[in-house]
C-alpha atoms as a PDB file:
ATOM      1  CA  MET A   1     -19.117 -74.379 -21.945  1.00  0.00           C
ATOM      2  CA  LYS A   2     -22.072 -73.870 -24.294  1.00  0.00           C
ATOM      3  CA  ARG A   3     -22.951 -70.552 -22.650  1.00  0.00           C
ATOM      4  CA  LEU A   4     -19.403 -69.280 -23.019  1.00  0.00           C
ATOM      5  CA  LEU A   5     -19.299 -70.248 -26.680  1.00  0.00           C
ATOM      6  CA  THR A   6     -22.700 -68.636 -27.274  1.00  0.00           C
ATOM      7  CA  ALA A   7     -21.579 -65.432 -25.542  1.00  0.00           C
ATOM      8  CA  LEU A   8     -18.371 -65.294 -27.585  1.00  0.00           C
ATOM      9  CA  LEU A   9     -20.245 -65.814 -30.839  1.00  0.00           C
ATOM     10  CA  ALA A  10     -22.749 -63.110 -29.879  1.00  0.00           C
ATOM     11  CA  LEU A  11     -19.931 -60.650 -29.138  1.00  0.00           C
ATOM     12  CA  LEU A  12     -18.227 -61.509 -32.400  1.00  0.00           C
ATOM     13  CA  LEU A  13     -21.469 -60.857 -34.262  1.00  0.00           C
ATOM     14  CA  ILE A  14     -21.973 -57.521 -32.515  1.00  0.00           C
ATOM     15  CA  PHE A  15     -18.418 -56.333 -33.186  1.00  0.00           C
ATOM     16  CA  SER A  16     -18.563 -57.416 -36.825  1.00  0.00           C
ATOM     17  CA  PHE A  17     -21.297 -54.808 -37.428  1.00  0.00           C
ATOM     18  CA  THR A  18     -19.582 -52.019 -35.493  1.00  0.00           C
ATOM     19  CA  PRO A  19     -17.790 -50.384 -38.488  1.00  0.00           C
ATOM     20  CA  ALA A  20     -21.120 -50.045 -40.277  1.00  0.00           C
ATOM     21  CA  LEU A  21     -22.482 -48.025 -37.356  1.00  0.00           C
ATOM     22  CA  ALA A  22     -19.713 -45.422 -37.667  1.00  0.00           C
ATOM     23  CA  ILE A  23     -20.744 -44.409 -41.197  1.00  0.00           C
ATOM     24  CA  GLU A  24     -22.514 -41.102 -41.739  1.00  0.00           C
ATOM     25  CA  PRO A  25     -26.307 -41.435 -42.041  1.00  0.00           C
ATOM     26  CA  ASP A  26     -26.473 -40.035 -45.596  1.00  0.00           C
ATOM     27  CA  THR A  27     -23.826 -42.413 -47.007  1.00  0.00           C
ATOM     28  CA  ILE A  28     -24.630 -45.527 -49.016  1.00  0.00           C
ATOM     29  CA  VAL A  29     -22.165 -48.394 -48.596  1.00  0.00           C
ATOM     30  CA  TYR A  30     -22.076 -51.195 -51.153  1.00  0.00           C
ATOM     31  CA  PRO A  31     -19.649 -53.925 -50.044  1.00  0.00           C
ATOM     32  CA  ILE A  32     -17.750 -55.773 -52.775  1.00  0.00           C
ATOM     33  CA  GLU A  33     -14.994 -58.368 -52.611  1.00  0.00           C
ATOM     34  CA  LYS A  34     -12.329 -56.423 -54.507  1.00  0.00           C
ATOM     35  CA  ASP A  35     -11.873 -53.462 -56.831  1.00  0.00           C
ATOM     36  CA  PRO A  36     -13.723 -53.553 -60.176  1.00  0.00           C
ATOM     37  CA  GLN A  37     -11.597 -54.606 -63.159  1.00  0.00           C
ATOM     38  CA  GLN A  38     -13.124 -52.135 -65.637  1.00  0.00           C
ATOM     39  CA  MET A  39     -15.066 -48.914 -65.037  1.00  0.00           C
ATOM     40  CA  ASP A  40     -15.731 -48.017 -68.684  1.00  0.00           C
ATOM     41  CA  PRO A  41     -19.289 -49.213 -69.483  1.00  0.00           C
ATOM     42  CA  SER A  42     -18.507 -49.701 -73.184  1.00  0.00           C
ATOM     43  CA  LEU A  43     -15.507 -51.981 -72.476  1.00  0.00           C
ATOM     44  CA  ASN A  44     -16.787 -53.875 -69.450  1.00  0.00           C
ATOM     45  CA  SER A  45     -17.131 -57.671 -69.577  1.00  0.00           C
ATOM     46  CA  TYR A  46     -16.683 -58.514 -65.879  1.00  0.00           C
ATOM     47  CA  SER A  47     -19.585 -59.381 -63.580  1.00  0.00           C
ATOM     48  CA  LEU A  48     -18.218 -57.532 -60.528  1.00  0.00           C
ATOM     49  CA  SER A  49     -17.696 -54.389 -62.567  1.00  0.00           C
ATOM     50  CA  SER A  50     -21.201 -54.751 -63.992  1.00  0.00           C
ATOM     51  CA  GLN A  51     -22.679 -54.711 -60.496  1.00  0.00           C
ATOM     52  CA  VAL A  52     -20.777 -51.539 -59.623  1.00  0.00           C
ATOM     53  CA  LEU A  53     -21.592 -49.824 -62.921  1.00  0.00           C
ATOM     54  CA  GLN A  54     -25.303 -50.626 -62.607  1.00  0.00           C
ATOM     55  CA  GLN A  55     -25.362 -48.989 -59.188  1.00  0.00           C
ATOM     56  CA  LEU A  56     -23.286 -46.040 -60.383  1.00  0.00           C
ATOM     57  CA  PHE A  57     -25.230 -45.217 -63.548  1.00  0.00           C
ATOM     58  CA  ARG A  58     -28.722 -46.028 -62.329  1.00  0.00           C
ATOM     59  CA  GLY A  59     -30.798 -42.891 -62.103  1.00  0.00           C
ATOM     60  CA  LEU A  60     -31.901 -41.395 -58.834  1.00  0.00           C
ATOM     61  CA  TYR A  61     -35.472 -41.133 -60.113  1.00  0.00           C
ATOM     62  CA  LYS A  62     -37.625 -43.131 -62.496  1.00  0.00           C
ATOM     63  CA  LEU A  63     -41.046 -42.702 -64.085  1.00  0.00           C
ATOM     64  CA  ASN A  64     -43.893 -44.778 -62.671  1.00  0.00           C
ATOM     65  CA  ALA A  65     -47.040 -45.895 -64.527  1.00  0.00           C
ATOM     66  CA  GLU A  66     -48.712 -42.521 -63.913  1.00  0.00           C
ATOM     67  CA  ARG A  67     -45.733 -40.750 -65.522  1.00  0.00           C
ATOM     68  CA  GLU A  68     -44.628 -39.259 -62.191  1.00  0.00           C
ATOM     69  CA  TYR A  69     -41.055 -39.188 -60.948  1.00  0.00           C
ATOM     70  CA  VAL A  70     -40.421 -41.464 -57.953  1.00  0.00           C
ATOM     71  CA  PRO A  71     -37.144 -42.317 -56.190  1.00  0.00           C
ATOM     72  CA  ALA A  72     -35.394 -45.269 -57.848  1.00  0.00           C
ATOM     73  CA  MET A  73     -33.706 -46.482 -54.679  1.00  0.00           C
END
């Protein structure tokens, strides 16, 4: 009985990650619980929207200590 339960849990774990494997390799997926309440940075006061806005408006590059551009991600 334990082996059957272990096998079922392993299959469930494998199939739970299957949709993530179908995504194109150059796509970034950021899972959130629900849609953001506010997408205007000047009016935002919600924590979920803040997480999305930080990811959206963060630059692709930043300056390091040697004043060289490096990827921010």
